[in-house]
Amino acid sequence: MTTSADDIDWFGLGQVLCEARDAGGFTHESVAQELCLSKKQIRALECGSFAPSPGDTVRSWCARRYPIVRS
């Protein structure tokens, strides 16, 4: 089953990513470097807004590539 980007709870996902980053001891800087994004974009992703991104496709890609999720 596929999920549309419109169906994703971005705020909830952002909270999960933030908690996992903190628990793993990762910094905004290290995650930004891993994903080739800015710290501002990482903070926005964790807040659920990700306004600095070009769209939901990029936001979905970033969430899947988050280092904590893959470990």
PDB file of N, CA and C in Angstrom:
ATOM      1  N   MET A   1       0.844  -1.182   0.000  1.00  0.00           N
ATOM      2  CA  MET A   1       0.000   0.000   0.000  1.00  0.00           C
ATOM      3  C   MET A   1       0.887   1.242   0.000  1.00  0.00           C
ATOM      4  N   THR A   2       0.615   2.158  -0.867  1.00  0.00           N
ATOM      5  CA  THR A   2       1.380   3.395  -0.923  1.00  0.00           C
ATOM      6  C   THR A   2       0.643   4.485  -0.160  1.00  0.00           C
ATOM      7  N   THR A   3       1.411   5.412   0.334  1.00  0.00           N
ATOM      8  CA  THR A   3       0.851   6.521   1.091  1.00  0.00           C
ATOM      9  C   THR A   3       1.171   7.813   0.372  1.00  0.00           C
ATOM     10  N   SER A   4       0.169   8.629   0.189  1.00  0.00           N
ATOM     11  CA  SER A   4       0.367   9.938  -0.413  1.00  0.00           C
ATOM     12  C   SER A   4       1.039  10.851   0.600  1.00  0.00           C
ATOM     13  N   ALA A   5       1.836  11.776   0.117  1.00  0.00           N
ATOM     14  CA  ALA A   5       2.475  12.753   1.003  1.00  0.00           C
ATOM     15  C   ALA A   5       1.431  13.563   1.750  1.00  0.00           C
ATOM     16  N   ASP A   6       0.237  13.683   1.165  1.00  0.00           N
ATOM     17  CA  ASP A   6      -0.843  14.417   1.834  1.00  0.00           C
ATOM     18  C   ASP A   6      -1.358  13.674   3.054  1.00  0.00           C
ATOM     19  N   ASP A   7      -1.169  12.351   3.111  1.00  0.00           N
ATOM     20  CA  ASP A   7      -1.685  11.539   4.203  1.00  0.00           C
ATOM     21  C   ASP A   7      -0.720  11.432   5.376  1.00  0.00           C
ATOM     22  N   ILE A   8       0.466  11.964   5.248  1.00  0.00           N
ATOM     23  CA  ILE A   8       1.488  11.832   6.285  1.00  0.00           C
ATOM     24  C   ILE A   8       1.313  12.910   7.346  1.00  0.00           C
ATOM     25  N   ASP A   9       1.391  12.505   8.598  1.00  0.00           N
ATOM     26  CA  ASP A   9       1.356  13.442   9.728  1.00  0.00           C
ATOM     27  C   ASP A   9       2.775  13.985   9.901  1.00  0.00           C
ATOM     28  N   TRP A  10       3.087  15.078   9.201  1.00  0.00           N
ATOM     29  CA  TRP A  10       4.451  15.617   9.206  1.00  0.00           C
ATOM     30  C   TRP A  10       4.874  16.087  10.588  1.00  0.00           C
ATOM     31  N   PHE A  11       3.942  16.658  11.359  1.00  0.00           N
ATOM     32  CA  PHE A  11       4.291  17.118  12.703  1.00  0.00           C
ATOM     33  C   PHE A  11       4.670  15.926  13.581  1.00  0.00           C
ATOM     34  N   GLY A  12       3.877  14.875  13.541  1.00  0.00           N
ATOM     35  CA  GLY A  12       4.173  13.678  14.327  1.00  0.00           C
ATOM     36  C   GLY A  12       5.469  13.021  13.900  1.00  0.00           C
ATOM     37  N   LEU A  13       5.686  12.952  12.593  1.00  0.00           N
ATOM     38  CA  LEU A  13       6.924  12.376  12.082  1.00  0.00           C
ATOM     39  C   LEU A  13       8.118  13.212  12.522  1.00  0.00           C
ATOM     40  N   GLY A  14       7.973  14.515  12.488  1.00  0.00           N
ATOM     41  CA  GLY A  14       9.055  15.398  12.924  1.00  0.00           C
ATOM     42  C   GLY A  14       9.427  15.176  14.371  1.00  0.00           C
ATOM     43  N   GLN A  15       8.411  14.972  15.223  1.00  0.00           N
ATOM     44  CA  GLN A  15       8.673  14.707  16.639  1.00  0.00           C
ATOM     45  C   GLN A  15       9.445  13.402  16.816  1.00  0.00           C
ATOM     46  N   VAL A  16       9.061  12.379  16.063  1.00  0.00           N
ATOM     47  CA  VAL A  16       9.756  11.090  16.134  1.00  0.00           C
ATOM     48  C   VAL A  16      11.208  11.248  15.705  1.00  0.00           C
ATOM     49  N   LEU A  17      11.438  11.966  14.614  1.00  0.00           N
ATOM     50  CA  LEU A  17      12.807  12.175  14.133  1.00  0.00           C
ATOM     51  C   LEU A  17      13.642  12.951  15.141  1.00  0.00           C
ATOM     52  N   CYS A  18      13.056  13.967  15.746  1.00  0.00           N
ATOM     53  CA  CYS A  18      13.768  14.767  16.738  1.00  0.00           C
ATOM     54  C   CYS A  18      14.144  13.924  17.957  1.00  0.00           C
ATOM     55  N   GLU A  19      13.189  13.154  18.460  1.00  0.00           N
ATOM     56  CA  GLU A  19      13.448  12.303  19.625  1.00  0.00           C
ATOM     57  C   GLU A  19      14.509  11.258  19.314  1.00  0.00           C
ATOM     58  N   ALA A  20      14.442  10.676  18.132  1.00  0.00           N
ATOM     59  CA  ALA A  20      15.429   9.666  17.746  1.00  0.00           C
ATOM     60  C   ALA A  20      16.813  10.287  17.592  1.00  0.00           C
ATOM     61  N   ARG A  21      16.875  11.491  17.025  1.00  0.00           N
ATOM     62  CA  ARG A  21      18.173  12.177  16.872  1.00  0.00           C
ATOM     63  C   ARG A  21      18.767  12.446  18.237  1.00  0.00           C
ATOM     64  N   ASP A  22      17.952  12.959  19.154  1.00  0.00           N
ATOM     65  CA  ASP A  22      18.431  13.235  20.511  1.00  0.00           C
ATOM     66  C   ASP A  22      18.897  11.959  21.212  1.00  0.00           C
ATOM     67  N   ALA A  23      18.094  10.901  21.106  1.00  0.00           N
ATOM     68  CA  ALA A  23      18.429   9.639  21.766  1.00  0.00           C
ATOM     69  C   ALA A  23      19.713   9.032  21.203  1.00  0.00           C
ATOM     70  N   GLY A  24      19.953   9.238  19.920  1.00  0.00           N
ATOM     71  CA  GLY A  24      21.154   8.705  19.283  1.00  0.00           C
ATOM     72  C   GLY A  24      22.379   9.571  19.473  1.00  0.00           C
ATOM     73  N   GLY A  25      22.197  10.747  20.081  1.00  0.00           N
ATOM     74  CA  GLY A  25      23.321  11.638  20.317  1.00  0.00           C
ATOM     75  C   GLY A  25      23.782  12.393  19.077  1.00  0.00           C
ATOM     76  N   PHE A  26      22.923  12.449  18.066  1.00  0.00           N
ATOM     77  CA  PHE A  26      23.265  13.171  16.846  1.00  0.00           C
ATOM     78  C   PHE A  26      22.941  14.655  17.005  1.00  0.00           C
ATOM     79  N   THR A  27      23.678  15.492  16.312  1.00  0.00           N
ATOM     80  CA  THR A  27      23.418  16.930  16.317  1.00  0.00           C
ATOM     81  C   THR A  27      22.679  17.307  15.037  1.00  0.00           C
ATOM     82  N   HIS A  28      22.094  18.506  15.047  1.00  0.00           N
ATOM     83  CA  HIS A  28      21.485  19.016  13.825  1.00  0.00           C
ATOM     84  C   HIS A  28      22.531  19.085  12.712  1.00  0.00           C
ATOM     85  N   GLU A  29      23.740  19.466  13.090  1.00  0.00           N
ATOM     86  CA  GLU A  29      24.812  19.599  12.114  1.00  0.00           C
ATOM     87  C   GLU A  29      25.161  18.274  11.458  1.00  0.00           C
ATOM     88  N   SER A  30      25.260  17.213  12.263  1.00  0.00           N
ATOM     89  CA  SER A  30      25.642  15.914  11.695  1.00  0.00           C
ATOM     90  C   SER A  30      24.555  15.358  10.782  1.00  0.00           C
ATOM     91  N   VAL A  31      23.301  15.554  11.161  1.00  0.00           N
ATOM     92  CA  VAL A  31      22.195  15.094  10.322  1.00  0.00           C
ATOM     93  C   VAL A  31      22.147  15.918   9.038  1.00  0.00           C
ATOM     94  N   ALA A  32      22.340  17.223   9.156  1.00  0.00           N
ATOM     95  CA  ALA A  32      22.341  18.088   7.976  1.00  0.00           C
ATOM     96  C   ALA A  32      23.443  17.670   7.009  1.00  0.00           C
ATOM     97  N   GLN A  33      24.607  17.371   7.528  1.00  0.00           N
ATOM     98  CA  GLN A  33      25.708  16.950   6.669  1.00  0.00           C
ATOM     99  C   GLN A  33      25.392  15.620   5.998  1.00  0.00           C
ATOM    100  N   GLU A  34      24.817  14.680   6.733  1.00  0.00           N
ATOM    101  CA  GLU A  34      24.464  13.370   6.176  1.00  0.00           C
ATOM    102  C   GLU A  34      23.465  13.492   5.030  1.00  0.00           C
ATOM    103  N   LEU A  35      22.512  14.413   5.169  1.00  0.00           N
ATOM    104  CA  LEU A  35      21.462  14.568   4.166  1.00  0.00           C
ATOM    105  C   LEU A  35      21.753  15.660   3.140  1.00  0.00           C
ATOM    106  N   CYS A  36      22.891  16.319   3.283  1.00  0.00           N
ATOM    107  CA  CYS A  36      23.258  17.430   2.382  1.00  0.00           C
ATOM    108  C   CYS A  36      22.198  18.529   2.419  1.00  0.00           C
ATOM    109  N   LEU A  37      21.784  18.882   3.617  1.00  0.00           N
ATOM    110  CA  LEU A  37      20.809  19.946   3.842  1.00  0.00           C
ATOM    111  C   LEU A  37      21.399  20.940   4.829  1.00  0.00           C
ATOM    112  N   SER A  38      20.693  22.023   5.050  1.00  0.00           N
ATOM    113  CA  SER A  38      21.128  22.995   6.049  1.00  0.00           C
ATOM    114  C   SER A  38      20.538  22.634   7.418  1.00  0.00           C
ATOM    115  N   LYS A  39      21.142  23.188   8.465  1.00  0.00           N
ATOM    116  CA  LYS A  39      20.598  22.984   9.809  1.00  0.00           C
ATOM    117  C   LYS A  39      19.180  23.538   9.892  1.00  0.00           C
ATOM    118  N   LYS A  40      18.933  24.624   9.204  1.00  0.00           N
ATOM    119  CA  LYS A  40      17.600  25.224   9.188  1.00  0.00           C
ATOM    120  C   LYS A  40      16.569  24.240   8.623  1.00  0.00           C
ATOM    121  N   GLN A  41      16.930  23.527   7.578  1.00  0.00           N
ATOM    122  CA  GLN A  41      16.017  22.561   6.978  1.00  0.00           C
ATOM    123  C   GLN A  41      15.784  21.370   7.908  1.00  0.00           C
ATOM    124  N   ILE A  42      16.818  20.932   8.625  1.00  0.00           N
ATOM    125  CA  ILE A  42      16.667  19.827   9.575  1.00  0.00           C
ATOM    126  C   ILE A  42      15.736  20.245  10.706  1.00  0.00           C
ATOM    127  N   ARG A  43      15.939  21.441  11.239  1.00  0.00           N
ATOM    128  CA  ARG A  43      15.052  21.926  12.312  1.00  0.00           C
ATOM    129  C   ARG A  43      13.611  22.024  11.825  1.00  0.00           C
ATOM    130  N   ALA A  44      13.434  22.503  10.602  1.00  0.00           N
ATOM    131  CA  ALA A  44      12.085  22.623  10.047  1.00  0.00           C
ATOM    132  C   ALA A  44      11.441  21.245   9.874  1.00  0.00           C
ATOM    133  N   LEU A  45      12.216  20.268   9.414  1.00  0.00           N
ATOM    134  CA  LEU A  45      11.697  18.912   9.263  1.00  0.00           C
ATOM    135  C   LEU A  45      11.251  18.364  10.610  1.00  0.00           C
ATOM    136  N   GLU A  46      12.044  18.603  11.646  1.00  0.00           N
ATOM    137  CA  GLU A  46      11.701  18.120  12.977  1.00  0.00           C
ATOM    138  C   GLU A  46      10.509  18.860  13.578  1.00  0.00           C
ATOM    139  N   CYS A  47      10.249  20.069  13.120  1.00  0.00           N
ATOM    140  CA  CYS A  47       9.079  20.825  13.595  1.00  0.00           C
ATOM    141  C   CYS A  47       7.820  20.474  12.804  1.00  0.00           C
ATOM    142  N   GLY A  48       7.992  19.721  11.742  1.00  0.00           N
ATOM    143  CA  GLY A  48       6.854  19.319  10.938  1.00  0.00           C
ATOM    144  C   GLY A  48       6.483  20.287   9.839  1.00  0.00           C
ATOM    145  N   SER A  49       7.202  21.398   9.736  1.00  0.00           N
ATOM    146  CA  SER A  49       6.835  22.382   8.720  1.00  0.00           C
ATOM    147  C   SER A  49       7.638  22.188   7.442  1.00  0.00           C
ATOM    148  N   PHE A  50       8.927  22.103   7.567  1.00  0.00           N
ATOM    149  CA  PHE A  50       9.858  21.953   6.455  1.00  0.00           C
ATOM    150  C   PHE A  50       9.560  22.950   5.340  1.00  0.00           C
ATOM    151  N   ALA A  51       9.182  24.151   5.713  1.00  0.00           N
ATOM    152  CA  ALA A  51       8.876  25.211   4.751  1.00  0.00           C
ATOM    153  C   ALA A  51      10.035  25.519   3.796  1.00  0.00           C
ATOM    154  N   PRO A  52      11.301  25.401   4.244  1.00  0.00           N
ATOM    155  CA  PRO A  52      12.388  25.711   3.323  1.00  0.00           C
ATOM    156  C   PRO A  52      12.602  24.679   2.215  1.00  0.00           C
ATOM    157  N   SER A  53      11.790  23.628   2.156  1.00  0.00           N
ATOM    158  CA  SER A  53      11.997  22.596   1.144  1.00  0.00           C
ATOM    159  C   SER A  53      11.201  22.884  -0.115  1.00  0.00           C
ATOM    160  N   PRO A  54      11.604  22.278  -1.230  1.00  0.00           N
ATOM    161  CA  PRO A  54      10.860  22.469  -2.473  1.00  0.00           C
ATOM    162  C   PRO A  54       9.526  21.726  -2.516  1.00  0.00           C
ATOM    163  N   GLY A  55       9.265  20.814  -1.596  1.00  0.00           N
ATOM    164  CA  GLY A  55       7.978  20.132  -1.620  1.00  0.00           C
ATOM    165  C   GLY A  55       7.958  18.835  -0.851  1.00  0.00           C
ATOM    166  N   ASP A  56       6.798  18.184  -0.884  1.00  0.00           N
ATOM    167  CA  ASP A  56       6.604  16.956  -0.126  1.00  0.00           C
ATOM    168  C   ASP A  56       7.510  15.818  -0.575  1.00  0.00           C
ATOM    169  N   THR A  57       7.863  15.771  -1.838  1.00  0.00           N
ATOM    170  CA  THR A  57       8.735  14.704  -2.322  1.00  0.00           C
ATOM    171  C   THR A  57      10.092  14.784  -1.634  1.00  0.00           C
ATOM    172  N   VAL A  58      10.638  15.967  -1.537  1.00  0.00           N
ATOM    173  CA  VAL A  58      11.931  16.156  -0.870  1.00  0.00           C
ATOM    174  C   VAL A  58      11.795  15.856   0.617  1.00  0.00           C
ATOM    175  N   ARG A  59      10.718  16.304   1.213  1.00  0.00           N
ATOM    176  CA  ARG A  59      10.493  16.067   2.637  1.00  0.00           C
ATOM    177  C   ARG A  59      10.405  14.562   2.911  1.00  0.00           C
ATOM    178  N   SER A  60       9.705  13.822   2.086  1.00  0.00           N
ATOM    179  CA  SER A  60       9.593  12.363   2.243  1.00  0.00           C
ATOM    180  C   SER A  60      10.954  11.693   2.100  1.00  0.00           C
ATOM    181  N   TRP A  61      11.722  12.129   1.097  1.00  0.00           N
ATOM    182  CA  TRP A  61      13.051  11.571   0.881  1.00  0.00           C
ATOM    183  C   TRP A  61      13.926  11.800   2.107  1.00  0.00           C
ATOM    184  N   CYS A  62      13.890  13.003   2.654  1.00  0.00           N
ATOM    185  CA  CYS A  62      14.713  13.329   3.815  1.00  0.00           C
ATOM    186  C   CYS A  62      14.335  12.486   5.021  1.00  0.00           C
ATOM    187  N   ALA A  63      13.042  12.333   5.254  1.00  0.00           N
ATOM    188  CA  ALA A  63      12.589  11.537   6.394  1.00  0.00           C
ATOM    189  C   ALA A  63      13.061  10.086   6.266  1.00  0.00           C
ATOM    190  N   ARG A  64      13.021   9.539   5.063  1.00  0.00           N
ATOM    191  CA  ARG A  64      13.472   8.151   4.851  1.00  0.00           C
ATOM    192  C   ARG A  64      14.981   8.024   5.003  1.00  0.00           C
ATOM    193  N   ARG A  65      15.725   9.065   4.693  1.00  0.00           N
ATOM    194  CA  ARG A  65      17.180   9.015   4.747  1.00  0.00           C
ATOM    195  C   ARG A  65      17.746   9.453   6.091  1.00  0.00           C
ATOM    196  N   TYR A  66      16.895   9.868   7.014  1.00  0.00           N
ATOM    197  CA  TYR A  66      17.361  10.310   8.332  1.00  0.00           C
ATOM    198  C   TYR A  66      18.254   9.240   8.935  1.00  0.00           C
ATOM    199  N   PRO A  67      19.447   9.575   9.401  1.00  0.00           N
ATOM    200  CA  PRO A  67      20.400   8.571   9.874  1.00  0.00           C
ATOM    201  C   PRO A  67      19.861   7.686  10.997  1.00  0.00           C
ATOM    202  N   ILE A  68      19.056   8.230  11.850  1.00  0.00           N
ATOM    203  CA  ILE A  68      18.558   7.491  13.003  1.00  0.00           C
ATOM    204  C   ILE A  68      17.583   6.406  12.545  1.00  0.00           C
ATOM    205  N   VAL A  69      16.786   6.723  11.542  1.00  0.00           N
ATOM    206  CA  VAL A  69      15.796   5.781  11.041  1.00  0.00           C
ATOM    207  C   VAL A  69      16.468   4.578  10.420  1.00  0.00           C
ATOM    208  N   ARG A  70      17.610   4.788   9.780  1.00  0.00           N
ATOM    209  CA  ARG A  70      18.288   3.712   9.066  1.00  0.00           C
ATOM    210  C   ARG A  70      19.126   2.847   9.993  1.00  0.00           C
ATOM    211  N   SER A  71      19.401   3.287  11.215  1.00  0.00           N
ATOM    212  CA  SER A  71      20.298   2.511  12.093  1.00  0.00           C
ATOM    213  C   SER A  71      19.574   1.441  12.859  1.00  0.00           C
TER     214      SER A  71
END
